[in-house]
C-alpha atoms as a PDB file:
ATOM      1  CA  MET A   1       0.000   0.000   0.000  1.00  0.00           C
ATOM      2  CA  ARG A   2       1.354   3.359  -1.154  1.00  0.00           C
ATOM      3  CA  SER A   3       2.105   5.978   1.441  1.00  0.00           C
ATOM      4  CA  SER A   4       0.305   9.304   1.556  1.00  0.00           C
ATOM      5  CA  GLY A   5       3.577  11.005   0.523  1.00  0.00           C
ATOM      6  CA  ALA A   6       3.699   9.069  -2.734  1.00  0.00           C
ATOM      7  CA  ARG A   7       0.079   9.983  -3.449  1.00  0.00           C
ATOM      8  CA  ASP A   8       0.852  13.676  -2.876  1.00  0.00           C
ATOM      9  CA  VAL A   9       3.809  13.560  -5.293  1.00  0.00           C
ATOM     10  CA  LYS A  10       1.653  11.917  -7.982  1.00  0.00           C
ATOM     11  CA  ALA A  11      -1.104  14.461  -7.526  1.00  0.00           C
ATOM     12  CA  ARG A  12       1.317  17.348  -7.828  1.00  0.00           C
ATOM     13  CA  SER A  13       2.872  15.771 -10.941  1.00  0.00           C
ATOM     14  CA  THR A  14      -0.562  15.341 -12.541  1.00  0.00           C
ATOM     15  CA  GLY A  15      -1.454  18.953 -11.772  1.00  0.00           C
ATOM     16  CA  ILE A  16       1.784  20.200 -13.318  1.00  0.00           C
ATOM     17  CA  LYS A  17       1.118  18.158 -16.479  1.00  0.00           C
ATOM     18  CA  ARG A  18      -2.406  19.535 -16.724  1.00  0.00           C
ATOM     19  CA  ARG A  19      -1.176  23.108 -16.358  1.00  0.00           C
ATOM     20  CA  LEU A  20       1.544  22.533 -18.951  1.00  0.00           C
ATOM     21  CA  LEU A  21      -0.930  20.968 -21.355  1.00  0.00           C
ATOM     22  CA  GLY A  22      -3.360  23.842 -20.756  1.00  0.00           C
ATOM     23  CA  ARG A  23      -0.659  26.424 -21.457  1.00  0.00           C
ATOM     24  CA  GLU A  24       0.357  24.556 -24.605  1.00  0.00           C
ATOM     25  CA  ALA A  25      -3.248  24.410 -25.810  1.00  0.00           C
ATOM     26  CA  THR A  26      -3.713  28.114 -25.042  1.00  0.00           C
ATOM     27  CA  GLY A  27      -0.516  28.876 -26.964  1.00  0.00           C
ATOM     28  CA  ARG A  28      -1.728  26.877 -29.930  1.00  0.00           C
ATOM     29  CA  ARG A  29      -5.061  28.725 -29.874  1.00  0.00           C
ATOM     30  CA  ARG A  30      -3.282  32.095 -29.717  1.00  0.00           C
ATOM     31  CA  ARG A  31      -0.938  31.167 -32.557  1.00  0.00           C
ATOM     32  CA  TRP A  32      -3.890  29.928 -34.617  1.00  0.00           C
ATOM     33  CA  SER A  33      -5.794  33.137 -33.884  1.00  0.00           C
ATOM     34  CA  ARG A  34      -2.804  35.237 -34.940  1.00  0.00           C
ATOM     35  CA  LEU A  35      -2.442  33.144 -38.093  1.00  0.00           C
ATOM     36  CA  ARG A  36      -6.104  33.592 -38.948  1.00  0.00           C
ATOM     37  CA  ARG A  37      -5.811  37.352 -38.451  1.00  0.00           C
ATOM     38  CA  ALA A  38      -2.716  37.423 -40.654  1.00  0.00           C
ATOM     39  CA  VAL A  39      -4.501  35.459 -43.363  1.00  0.00           C
ATOM     40  CA  ALA A  40      -7.522  37.762 -43.135  1.00  0.00           C
ATOM     41  CA  VAL A  41      -5.303  40.822 -43.490  1.00  0.00           C
ATOM     42  CA  ALA A  42      -3.526  39.264 -46.470  1.00  0.00           C
ATOM     43  CA  VAL A  43      -6.871  38.500 -48.119  1.00  0.00           C
ATOM     44  CA  CYS A  44      -8.031  42.082 -47.576  1.00  0.00           C
ATOM     45  CA  ILE A  45      -4.799  43.447 -49.019  1.00  0.00           C
ATOM     46  CA  ALA A  46      -5.136  41.157 -52.022  1.00  0.00           C
ATOM     47  CA  ALA A  47      -8.742  42.249 -52.518  1.00  0.00           C
ATOM     48  CA  VAL A  48      -7.796  45.912 -52.329  1.00  0.00           C
ATOM     49  CA  ALA A  49      -4.935  45.350 -54.759  1.00  0.00           C
ATOM     50  CA  ALA A  50      -7.240  43.535 -57.141  1.00  0.00           C
ATOM     51  CA  GLY A  51      -9.819  46.295 -56.849  1.00  0.00           C
ATOM     52  CA  ALA A  52      -7.159  48.912 -57.459  1.00  0.00           C
ATOM     53  CA  PHE A  53      -6.046  47.069 -60.581  1.00  0.00           C
ATOM     54  CA  VAL A  54      -9.616  46.953 -61.892  1.00  0.00           C
ATOM     55  CA  LEU A  55     -10.113  50.642 -61.204  1.00  0.00           C
ATOM     56  CA  LEU A  56      -6.879  51.516 -62.941  1.00  0.00           C
ATOM     57  CA  ASP A  57      -7.812  49.288 -65.852  1.00  0.00           C
ATOM     58  CA  GLU A  58     -11.176  51.041 -66.196  1.00  0.00           C
ATOM     59  CA  GLY A  59     -10.078  54.609 -65.480  1.00  0.00           C
ATOM     60  CA  ASP A  60      -9.096  57.561 -67.644  1.00  0.00           C
ATOM     61  CA  ASP A  61      -5.349  57.048 -67.255  1.00  0.00           C
ATOM     62  CA  PRO A  62      -5.262  53.340 -66.524  1.00  0.00           C
ATOM     63  CA  VAL A  63      -2.066  51.659 -67.645  1.00  0.00           C
ATOM     64  CA  THR A  64       1.006  52.136 -69.755  1.00  0.00           C
ATOM     65  CA  PRO A  65       0.034  52.424 -73.434  1.00  0.00           C
ATOM     66  CA  ARG A  66       0.772  49.374 -75.542  1.00  0.00           C
ATOM     67  CA  ALA A  67       0.642  48.370 -79.178  1.00  0.00           C
ATOM     68  CA  LEU A  68      -2.774  47.562 -80.604  1.00  0.00           C
ATOM     69  CA  THR A  69      -3.775  43.952 -81.081  1.00  0.00           C
ATOM     70  CA  ALA A  70      -4.945  42.847 -84.526  1.00  0.00           C
ATOM     71  CA  ASP A  71      -8.573  43.030 -83.363  1.00  0.00           C
ATOM     72  CA  GLU A  72      -8.093  46.549 -81.968  1.00  0.00           C
ATOM     73  CA  VAL A  73      -6.440  47.730 -85.188  1.00  0.00           C
ATOM     74  CA  ASN A  74      -9.394  46.404 -87.171  1.00  0.00           C
ATOM     75  CA  ARG A  75     -11.932  48.107 -84.897  1.00  0.00           C
ATOM     76  CA  LEU A  76     -10.087  51.408 -85.051  1.00  0.00           C
ATOM     77  CA  SER A  77      -9.787  51.205 -88.836  1.00  0.00           C
ATOM     78  CA  VAL A  78     -13.553  50.738 -89.358  1.00  0.00           C
ATOM     79  CA  THR A  79     -14.937  53.054 -86.668  1.00  0.00           C
ATOM     80  CA  ARG A  80     -15.329  56.079 -88.984  1.00  0.00           C
ATOM     81  CA  PHE A  81     -16.721  53.877 -91.747  1.00  0.00           C
ATOM     82  CA  LEU A  82     -19.404  52.589 -89.373  1.00  0.00           C
ATOM     83  CA  ASN A  83     -20.504  56.185 -88.707  1.00  0.00           C
ATOM     84  CA  TYR A  84     -20.779  56.773 -92.450  1.00  0.00           C
ATOM     85  CA  ARG A  85     -22.648  53.520 -93.010  1.00  0.00           C
ATOM     86  CA  ALA A  86     -25.128  54.481 -90.265  1.00  0.00           C
ATOM     87  CA  GLY A  87     -25.816  57.711 -92.148  1.00  0.00           C
ATOM     88  CA  GLY A  88     -25.333  59.906 -89.101  1.00  0.00           C
ATOM     89  CA  ARG A  89     -24.963  59.992 -85.334  1.00  0.00           C
ATOM     90  CA  ALA A  90     -26.406  61.961 -82.449  1.00  0.00           C
ATOM     91  CA  VAL A  91     -23.623  63.852 -80.724  1.00  0.00           C
ATOM     92  CA  THR A  92     -22.801  66.247 -77.913  1.00  0.00           C
ATOM     93  CA  ILE A  93     -19.717  68.375 -78.540  1.00  0.00           C
ATOM     94  CA  THR A  94     -18.081  70.082 -75.553  1.00  0.00           C
ATOM     95  CA  VAL A  95     -15.810  72.944 -76.607  1.00  0.00           C
ATOM     96  CA  PRO A  96     -13.817  74.521 -73.752  1.00  0.00           C
ATOM     97  CA  ASN A  97     -12.119  77.902 -73.805  1.00  0.00           C
ATOM     98  CA  VAL A  98     -10.608  80.345 -71.346  1.00  0.00           C
ATOM     99  CA  THR A  99     -13.752  82.494 -71.102  1.00  0.00           C
ATOM    100  CA  GLY A 100     -16.304  79.725 -70.547  1.00  0.00           C
ATOM    101  CA  GLY A 101     -17.213  77.114 -73.105  1.00  0.00           C
ATOM    102  CA  LEU A 102     -19.787  75.885 -75.587  1.00  0.00           C
ATOM    103  CA  VAL A 103     -21.873  72.715 -75.712  1.00  0.00           C
ATOM    104  CA  ILE A 104     -23.490  71.656 -78.980  1.00  0.00           C
ATOM    105  CA  THR A 105     -26.217  69.008 -78.823  1.00  0.00           C
ATOM    106  CA  GLY A 106     -27.441  67.716 -82.148  1.00  0.00           C
ATOM    107  CA  SER A 107     -26.748  65.401 -85.073  1.00  0.00           C
ATOM    108  CA  ILE A 108     -24.151  64.965 -87.806  1.00  0.00           C
ATOM    109  CA  ASP A 109     -25.024  63.606 -91.244  1.00  0.00           C
ATOM    110  CA  TYR A 110     -21.875  61.805 -92.371  1.00  0.00           C
ATOM    111  CA  ARG A 111     -23.109  61.384 -95.935  1.00  0.00           C
ATOM    112  CA  THR A 112     -23.469  65.128 -96.606  1.00  0.00           C
ATOM    113  CA  HIS A 113     -20.954  66.276 -93.955  1.00  0.00           C
ATOM    114  CA  THR A 114     -23.525  68.516 -92.299  1.00  0.00           C
ATOM    115  CA  GLY A 115     -24.060  69.170 -88.598  1.00  0.00           C
ATOM    116  CA  TYR A 116     -27.085  70.723 -86.916  1.00  0.00           C
ATOM    117  CA  GLY A 117     -28.067  71.311 -83.322  1.00  0.00           C
ATOM    118  CA  VAL A 118     -28.483  73.587 -80.325  1.00  0.00           C
ATOM    119  CA  VAL A 119     -25.524  75.524 -78.991  1.00  0.00           C
ATOM    120  CA  ARG A 120     -25.320  76.784 -75.410  1.00  0.00           C
ATOM    121  CA  GLY A 121     -22.550  78.777 -73.809  1.00  0.00           C
ATOM    122  CA  THR A 122     -21.262  79.394 -70.310  1.00  0.00           C
ATOM    123  CA  GLY A 123     -19.469  82.447 -68.956  1.00  0.00           C
ATOM    124  CA  ARG A 124     -18.815  84.993 -71.664  1.00  0.00           C
ATOM    125  CA  ASP A 125     -20.041  82.542 -74.270  1.00  0.00           C
ATOM    126  CA  ALA A 126     -23.665  82.651 -73.083  1.00  0.00           C
ATOM    127  CA  SER A 127     -24.400  85.140 -75.869  1.00  0.00           C
ATOM    128  CA  SER A 128     -23.783  82.331 -78.370  1.00  0.00           C
ATOM    129  CA  ASP A 129     -27.001  80.489 -77.428  1.00  0.00           C
ATOM    130  CA  GLY A 130     -29.198  79.406 -80.325  1.00  0.00           C
ATOM    131  CA  LEU A 131     -29.201  77.030 -83.269  1.00  0.00           C
ATOM    132  CA  ILE A 132     -26.082  76.114 -85.205  1.00  0.00           C
ATOM    133  CA  ARG A 133     -25.571  74.441 -88.536  1.00  0.00           C
ATOM    134  CA  TRP A 134     -22.276  73.781 -90.252  1.00  0.00           C
ATOM    135  CA  THR A 135     -20.598  72.231 -93.264  1.00  0.00           C
ATOM    136  CA  PRO A 136     -16.888  71.890 -94.136  1.00  0.00           C
ATOM    137  CA  THR A 137     -16.841  75.493 -95.352  1.00  0.00           C
ATOM    138  CA  THR A 138     -19.659  77.380 -93.620  1.00  0.00           C
ATOM    139  CA  VAL A 139     -21.075  78.007 -90.146  1.00  0.00           C
ATOM    140  CA  LEU A 140     -24.648  79.266 -89.773  1.00  0.00           C
ATOM    141  CA  VAL A 141     -25.985  80.473 -86.430  1.00  0.00           C
ATOM    142  CA  ARG A 142     -29.470  81.531 -85.406  1.00  0.00           C
ATOM    143  CA  PRO A 143     -29.333  83.361 -82.054  1.00  0.00           C
ATOM    144  CA  MET A 144     -32.051  82.496 -79.511  1.00  0.00           C
ATOM    145  CA  PRO A 145     -32.212  83.835 -75.940  1.00  0.00           C
ATOM    146  CA  ASN A 146     -33.855  80.633 -74.682  1.00  0.00           C
ATOM    147  CA  PRO A 147     -32.972  77.808 -77.056  1.00  0.00           C
ATOM    148  CA  PRO A 148     -34.964  74.551 -76.866  1.00  0.00           C
ATOM    149  CA  ALA A 149     -33.516  71.377 -75.397  1.00  0.00           C
ATOM    150  CA  ALA A 150     -33.317  69.919 -78.909  1.00  0.00           C
ATOM    151  CA  ALA A 151     -33.106  71.558 -82.296  1.00  0.00           C
ATOM    152  CA  PRO A 152     -36.360  71.522 -84.321  1.00  0.00           C
ATOM    153  CA  ALA A 153     -36.411  68.586 -86.726  1.00  0.00           C
ATOM    154  CA  SER A 154     -37.293  71.045 -89.515  1.00  0.00           C
ATOM    155  CA  PRO A 155     -34.916  74.010 -89.258  1.00  0.00           C
ATOM    156  CA  PRO A 156     -36.364  77.543 -89.394  1.00  0.00           C
ATOM    157  CA  ALA A 157     -36.311  79.170 -92.812  1.00  0.00           C
ATOM    158  CA  SER A 158     -35.039  82.565 -91.662  1.00  0.00           C
ATOM    159  CA  GLY A 159     -32.965  84.285 -89.010  1.00  0.00           C
ATOM    160  CA  TRP A 160     -29.681  82.595 -89.903  1.00  0.00           C
ATOM    161  CA  TYR A 161     -26.333  84.369 -90.008  1.00  0.00           C
ATOM    162  CA  SER A 162     -23.644  82.829 -92.184  1.00  0.00           C
ATOM    163  CA  ARG A 163     -19.858  83.026 -91.980  1.00  0.00           C
ATOM    164  CA  PRO A 164     -16.950  81.009 -93.345  1.00  0.00           C
ATOM    165  CA  LEU A 165     -15.686  78.148 -91.208  1.00  0.00           C
ATOM    166  CA  ARG A 166     -12.203  79.081 -89.986  1.00  0.00           C
ATOM    167  CA  THR A 167      -9.960  76.729 -88.024  1.00  0.00           C
ATOM    168  CA  ALA A 168      -6.881  78.887 -87.490  1.00  0.00           C
ATOM    169  CA  GLY A 169      -7.024  79.929 -83.835  1.00  0.00           C
ATOM    170  CA  MET A 170     -10.754  79.189 -83.507  1.00  0.00           C
ATOM    171  CA  THR A 171     -11.444  76.272 -81.171  1.00  0.00           C
ATOM    172  CA  LEU A 172     -15.135  76.076 -82.083  1.00  0.00           C
ATOM    173  CA  ASP A 173     -14.525  75.897 -85.823  1.00  0.00           C
ATOM    174  CA  SER A 174     -11.672  73.421 -85.372  1.00  0.00           C
ATOM    175  CA  ALA A 175     -13.996  71.186 -83.335  1.00  0.00           C
ATOM    176  CA  LEU A 176     -16.800  71.489 -85.894  1.00  0.00           C
ATOM    177  CA  ALA A 177     -14.493  70.681 -88.802  1.00  0.00           C
ATOM    178  CA  ILE A 178     -12.945  67.662 -87.101  1.00  0.00           C
ATOM    179  CA  ALA A 179     -16.348  66.383 -85.939  1.00  0.00           C
ATOM    180  CA  LEU A 180     -17.539  66.212 -89.547  1.00  0.00           C
ATOM    181  CA  ASP A 181     -14.675  63.938 -90.489  1.00  0.00           C
ATOM    182  CA  PHE A 182     -15.494  61.135 -88.052  1.00  0.00           C
ATOM    183  CA  GLY A 183     -17.361  59.484 -90.892  1.00  0.00           C
ATOM    184  CA  SER A 184     -15.685  58.005 -93.963  1.00  0.00           C
ATOM    185  CA  ASP A 185     -16.970  56.106 -96.991  1.00  0.00           C
ATOM    186  CA  ARG A 186     -14.178  53.540 -96.586  1.00  0.00           C
ATOM    187  CA  PRO A 187     -12.217  52.031 -93.676  1.00  0.00           C
ATOM    188  CA  ASP A 188      -8.894  53.588 -92.735  1.00  0.00           C
ATOM    189  CA  ASN A 189      -5.723  51.816 -93.791  1.00  0.00           C
ATOM    190  CA  ALA A 190      -5.178  49.329 -90.965  1.00  0.00           C
ATOM    191  CA  ALA A 191      -1.533  48.804 -91.892  1.00  0.00           C
ATOM    192  CA  LEU A 192      -0.718  52.494 -91.409  1.00  0.00           C
ATOM    193  CA  LEU A 193      -2.407  52.979 -88.029  1.00  0.00           C
ATOM    194  CA  PRO A 194       0.332  51.410 -85.851  1.00  0.00           C
ATOM    195  CA  GLN A 195       2.994  53.261 -87.863  1.00  0.00           C
ATOM    196  CA  ASN A 196       1.399  56.606 -87.039  1.00  0.00           C
ATOM    197  CA  GLY A 197       1.237  56.346 -83.267  1.00  0.00           C
ATOM    198  CA  ALA A 198      -1.994  54.390 -82.741  1.00  0.00           C
ATOM    199  CA  ALA A 199      -1.968  52.610 -79.362  1.00  0.00           C
ATOM    200  CA  TRP A 200      -4.224  51.087 -76.711  1.00  0.00           C
ATOM    201  CA  VAL A 201      -4.368  53.251 -73.587  1.00  0.00           C
ATOM    202  CA  GLY A 202      -7.073  51.683 -71.392  1.00  0.00           C
ATOM    203  CA  ARG A 203     -10.699  50.656 -70.886  1.00  0.00           C
ATOM    204  CA  GLU A 204     -13.708  52.541 -69.593  1.00  0.00           C
ATOM    205  CA  GLN A 205     -17.472  52.296 -69.327  1.00  0.00           C
ATOM    206  CA  VAL A 206     -19.293  54.884 -71.454  1.00  0.00           C
ATOM    207  CA  ARG A 207     -22.982  55.120 -70.597  1.00  0.00           C
ATOM    208  CA  GLY A 208     -23.005  51.453 -69.585  1.00  0.00           C
ATOM    209  CA  ARG A 209     -20.983  50.239 -72.577  1.00  0.00           C
ATOM    210  CA  ARG A 210     -17.537  48.722 -72.179  1.00  0.00           C
ATOM    211  CA  THR A 211     -15.052  50.433 -74.468  1.00  0.00           C
ATOM    212  CA  ASP A 212     -11.362  50.324 -75.299  1.00  0.00           C
ATOM    213  CA  ILE A 213      -9.582  53.665 -75.347  1.00  0.00           C
ATOM    214  CA  MET A 214      -7.267  53.977 -78.334  1.00  0.00           C
ATOM    215  CA  ARG A 215      -4.951  56.756 -79.410  1.00  0.00           C
ATOM    216  CA  GLY A 216      -5.020  57.829 -83.063  1.00  0.00           C
ATOM    217  CA  PRO A 217      -5.497  58.267 -85.936  1.00  0.00           C
ATOM    218  CA  ARG A 218      -4.557  61.887 -85.673  1.00  0.00           C
ATOM    219  CA  ALA A 219      -6.872  64.612 -86.944  1.00  0.00           C
ATOM    220  CA  SER A 220      -6.090  67.764 -88.832  1.00  0.00           C
ATOM    221  CA  ALA A 221      -8.383  70.724 -89.323  1.00  0.00           C
ATOM    222  CA  GLU A 222      -8.264  72.471 -92.671  1.00  0.00           C
ATOM    223  CA  ALA A 223     -10.519  75.180 -94.006  1.00  0.00           C
ATOM    224  CA  GLY A 224     -11.385  76.194 -97.505  1.00  0.00           C
ATOM    225  CA  PRO A 225     -13.448  74.952-100.432  1.00  0.00           C
ATOM    226  CA  GLY A 226     -13.722  71.194-100.368  1.00  0.00           C
ATOM    227  CA  ALA A 227     -11.644  70.852 -97.200  1.00  0.00           C
ATOM    228  CA  HIS A 228     -12.686  69.581 -93.821  1.00  0.00           C
ATOM    229  CA  GLY A 229     -11.206  67.922 -90.748  1.00  0.00           C
ATOM    230  CA  LYS A 230      -9.224  64.858 -91.776  1.00  0.00           C
ATOM    231  CA  ALA A 231      -8.179  61.753 -89.914  1.00  0.00           C
ATOM    232  CA  ASP A 232      -4.498  61.689 -90.754  1.00  0.00           C
ATOM    233  CA  THR A 233      -3.460  58.046 -91.033  1.00  0.00           C
ATOM    234  CA  GLY A 234      -0.517  58.397 -93.317  1.00  0.00           C
ATOM    235  CA  SER A 235       1.091  61.830 -93.397  1.00  0.00           C
ATOM    236  CA  ASN A 236       2.715  64.172 -90.927  1.00  0.00           C
ATOM    237  CA  THR A 237       1.225  67.677 -91.003  1.00  0.00           C
ATOM    238  CA  SER A 238       1.681  70.683 -88.770  1.00  0.00           C
ATOM    239  CA  THR A 239      -2.043  70.732 -88.012  1.00  0.00           C
ATOM    240  CA  SER A 240      -2.194  67.175 -86.651  1.00  0.00           C
ATOM    241  CA  GLN A 241      -3.868  66.847 -83.266  1.00  0.00           C
ATOM    242  CA  THR A 242      -3.784  64.130 -80.612  1.00  0.00           C
ATOM    243  CA  VAL A 243      -7.004  62.074 -80.637  1.00  0.00           C
ATOM    244  CA  ARG A 244      -8.334  59.408 -78.279  1.00  0.00           C
ATOM    245  CA  TYR A 245     -11.213  57.133 -79.262  1.00  0.00           C
ATOM    246  CA  TRP A 246     -13.559  55.166 -76.983  1.00  0.00           C
ATOM    247  CA  ILE A 247     -14.529  52.203 -79.177  1.00  0.00           C
ATOM    248  CA  GLY A 248     -16.920  49.334 -78.464  1.00  0.00           C
ATOM    249  CA  SER A 249     -16.347  45.652 -79.155  1.00  0.00           C
ATOM    250  CA  ASP A 250     -17.992  45.972 -82.591  1.00  0.00           C
ATOM    251  CA  GLY A 251     -16.032  49.064 -83.623  1.00  0.00           C
ATOM    252  CA  THR A 252     -18.726  51.594 -82.691  1.00  0.00           C
ATOM    253  CA  MET A 253     -17.366  55.009 -81.734  1.00  0.00           C
ATOM    254  CA  TYR A 254     -18.843  56.252 -78.443  1.00  0.00           C
ATOM    255  CA  ARG A 255     -16.513  59.109 -77.508  1.00  0.00           C
ATOM    256  CA  VAL A 256     -13.671  61.085 -79.012  1.00  0.00           C
ATOM    257  CA  GLU A 257     -11.294  63.442 -77.220  1.00  0.00           C
ATOM    258  CA  ILE A 258      -9.231  65.868 -79.291  1.00  0.00           C
ATOM    259  CA  ALA A 259      -6.408  68.073 -78.048  1.00  0.00           C
ATOM    260  CA  VAL A 260      -6.746  71.351 -79.957  1.00  0.00           C
ATOM    261  CA  ALA A 261      -3.909  73.842 -79.655  1.00  0.00           C
ATOM    262  CA  SER A 262      -6.220  76.820 -79.123  1.00  0.00           C
ATOM    263  CA  ALA A 263      -8.193  75.143 -76.291  1.00  0.00           C
ATOM    264  CA  PRO A 264      -7.162  74.900 -72.608  1.00  0.00           C
ATOM    265  CA  ARG A 265      -8.632  71.392 -72.395  1.00  0.00           C
ATOM    266  CA  PRO A 266      -9.491  68.724 -74.975  1.00  0.00           C
ATOM    267  CA  VAL A 267     -12.615  68.998 -77.084  1.00  0.00           C
ATOM    268  CA  VAL A 268     -14.923  66.043 -76.337  1.00  0.00           C
ATOM    269  CA  LEU A 269     -17.474  64.425 -78.654  1.00  0.00           C
ATOM    270  CA  ASP A 270     -19.967  62.067 -77.014  1.00  0.00           C
ATOM    271  CA  PHE A 271     -22.062  59.990 -79.397  1.00  0.00           C
ATOM    272  CA  ASP A 272     -25.558  58.548 -78.800  1.00  0.00           C
ATOM    273  CA  THR A 273     -26.275  61.052 -76.024  1.00  0.00           C
ATOM    274  CA  GLN A 274     -29.782  61.438 -77.445  1.00  0.00           C
ATOM    275  CA  THR A 275     -31.833  60.088 -80.353  1.00  0.00           C
ATOM    276  CA  TYR A 276     -30.403  60.744 -83.776  1.00  0.00           C
ATOM    277  CA  VAL A 277     -32.564  63.081 -85.849  1.00  0.00           C
ATOM    278  CA  PRO A 278     -31.720  63.203 -89.562  1.00  0.00           C
ATOM    279  CA  VAL A 279     -30.318  66.560 -90.641  1.00  0.00           C
ATOM    280  CA  LYS A 280     -32.743  68.173 -93.060  1.00  0.00           C
ATOM    281  CA  PRO A 281     -31.729  70.853 -95.550  1.00  0.00           C
ATOM    282  CA  LEU A 282     -32.587  74.462 -94.890  1.00  0.00           C
ATOM    283  CA  PRO A 283     -35.753  75.520 -96.713  1.00  0.00           C
ATOM    284  CA  GLY A 284     -34.793  76.749-100.165  1.00  0.00           C
ATOM    285  CA  ALA A 285     -31.114  75.825 -99.686  1.00  0.00           C
ATOM    286  CA  THR A 286     -28.904  73.039-101.008  1.00  0.00           C
ATOM    287  CA  PRO A 287     -26.560  71.299 -98.494  1.00  0.00           C
ATOM    288  CA  THR A 288     -22.850  71.622 -99.188  1.00  0.00           C
ATOM    289  CA  PRO A 289     -21.550  68.158-100.262  1.00  0.00           C
END
């Protein structure tokens, strides 16, 4: 029969083992808790990084420009032709300047190279409010103190003031001339686009549509009989401007941004901002071809 002293030693030994095991289990739980927290933090960081990448990929200045893929070259080469094939497009043209700015809301007929819409100004340009109509050589304005939200489908027969379209130093006329040339009766030369600076510069949603942002072809604004803004895909001219296109998966043009030397910020053309209304000729007048 064991003595009471032996029983006391065994009891103390058992208690020590239990305490050691308890401390070890507590340590394991603490280490596991720390590990879980570390994993959670890593997951959050990864999620934020992934989100940041998506935002950069969809933003205005997303990633380093790269060469166009074959599909992107093809879409860029046909985007102006698709405007021409559609006959015309509804457009909003934002023209900035140092004294305010102008916004033209209307339509462009890419078969006759004629634009027509409502023009509204801000700042010192508020006096420009009214109707506007333009061709590659002529700008017609009809002042109105309170212009309608949309230009009348049938333009008024009187009250128009005519002047030549001039692009030298005139941001508005440069924008109007270039806007007319975003329609062409044939695709651009796809082989020349990469040689003349065309590049992919990002992606962005435009009114719910996913688009690729592409740089080029460049645009030049010329004035004079038979001249109009030209997408320059093959030559280097002093009037060339930097252009960015927002193009859908089928080649549809949804936005264009043009850096014009006389403007403090780029001119912006947004397409399909309203319903396209065919541009009708002025009563008693023949549209300029």
